[in-house]
Amino acid sequence: MEKLFSDMSLTVALDGLEMDQGERVLSRVGRALGALEGQG
C-alpha cells in the first residue's frame, strides 16, 4: 500500500513538472516567434 502511494505521488509530481516545462517552452517559443515577426 505504501509503495502504491509513493508511486502515485511520484507520478503526480512528474506530471506537474512536465506541465511546467511545457508552459515554459510554449512561452519561449511564443517570444521567439514574436521577435521574428518584429524583425520581419
C-alpha atoms as a PDB file:
ATOM      1  CA  MET A   1       0.000   0.000   0.000  1.00  0.00           C
ATOM      2  CA  GLU A   2       2.776   2.435   0.868  1.00  0.00           C
ATOM      3  CA  LYS A   3       4.614   1.683  -2.365  1.00  0.00           C
ATOM      4  CA  LEU A   4       1.469   2.334  -4.381  1.00  0.00           C
ATOM      5  CA  PHE A   5       1.013   5.667  -2.643  1.00  0.00           C
ATOM      6  CA  SER A   6       4.625   6.740  -3.241  1.00  0.00           C
ATOM      7  CA  ASP A   7       4.359   5.709  -6.899  1.00  0.00           C
ATOM      8  CA  MET A   8       1.198   7.768  -7.273  1.00  0.00           C
ATOM      9  CA  SER A   9       2.682  10.874  -5.658  1.00  0.00           C
ATOM     10  CA  LEU A  10       5.785  10.478  -7.830  1.00  0.00           C
ATOM     11  CA  THR A  11       3.621  10.286 -10.954  1.00  0.00           C
ATOM     12  CA  VAL A  12       1.685  13.384  -9.894  1.00  0.00           C
ATOM     13  CA  ALA A  13       4.944  15.251  -9.283  1.00  0.00           C
ATOM     14  CA  LEU A  14       6.261  14.231 -12.711  1.00  0.00           C
ATOM     15  CA  ASP A  15       3.001  15.305 -14.378  1.00  0.00           C
ATOM     16  CA  GLY A  16       3.281  18.704 -12.698  1.00  0.00           C
ATOM     17  CA  LEU A  17       6.895  19.022 -13.779  1.00  0.00           C
ATOM     18  CA  GLU A  18       6.069  18.200 -17.400  1.00  0.00           C
ATOM     19  CA  MET A  19       3.233  20.726 -17.399  1.00  0.00           C
ATOM     20  CA  ASP A  20       5.529  23.448 -16.040  1.00  0.00           C
ATOM     21  CA  GLN A  21       8.197  22.674 -18.624  1.00  0.00           C
ATOM     22  CA  GLY A  22       5.631  22.613 -21.416  1.00  0.00           C
ATOM     23  CA  GLU A  23       4.315  26.034 -20.457  1.00  0.00           C
ATOM     24  CA  ARG A  24       7.841  27.410 -20.254  1.00  0.00           C
ATOM     25  CA  VAL A  25       8.704  26.005 -23.678  1.00  0.00           C
ATOM     26  CA  LEU A  26       5.497  27.411 -25.163  1.00  0.00           C
ATOM     27  CA  SER A  27       6.148  30.885 -23.768  1.00  0.00           C
ATOM     28  CA  ARG A  28       9.739  30.732 -25.022  1.00  0.00           C
ATOM     29  CA  VAL A  29       8.564  29.689 -28.495  1.00  0.00           C
ATOM     30  CA  GLY A  30       5.927  32.417 -28.442  1.00  0.00           C
ATOM     31  CA  ARG A  31       8.533  35.041 -27.579  1.00  0.00           C
ATOM     32  CA  ALA A  32      10.874  33.768 -30.284  1.00  0.00           C
ATOM     33  CA  LEU A  33       8.090  33.955 -32.867  1.00  0.00           C
ATOM     34  CA  GLY A  34       7.154  37.442 -31.698  1.00  0.00           C
ATOM     35  CA  ALA A  35      10.769  38.567 -32.081  1.00  0.00           C
ATOM     36  CA  LEU A  36      10.967  37.073 -35.572  1.00  0.00           C
ATOM     37  CA  GLU A  37       7.748  38.796 -36.608  1.00  0.00           C
ATOM     38  CA  GLY A  38       9.025  42.088 -35.193  1.00  0.00           C
ATOM     39  CA  GLN A  39      12.221  41.824 -37.239  1.00  0.00           C
ATOM     40  CA  GLY A  40      10.481  40.667 -40.430  1.00  0.00           C
END
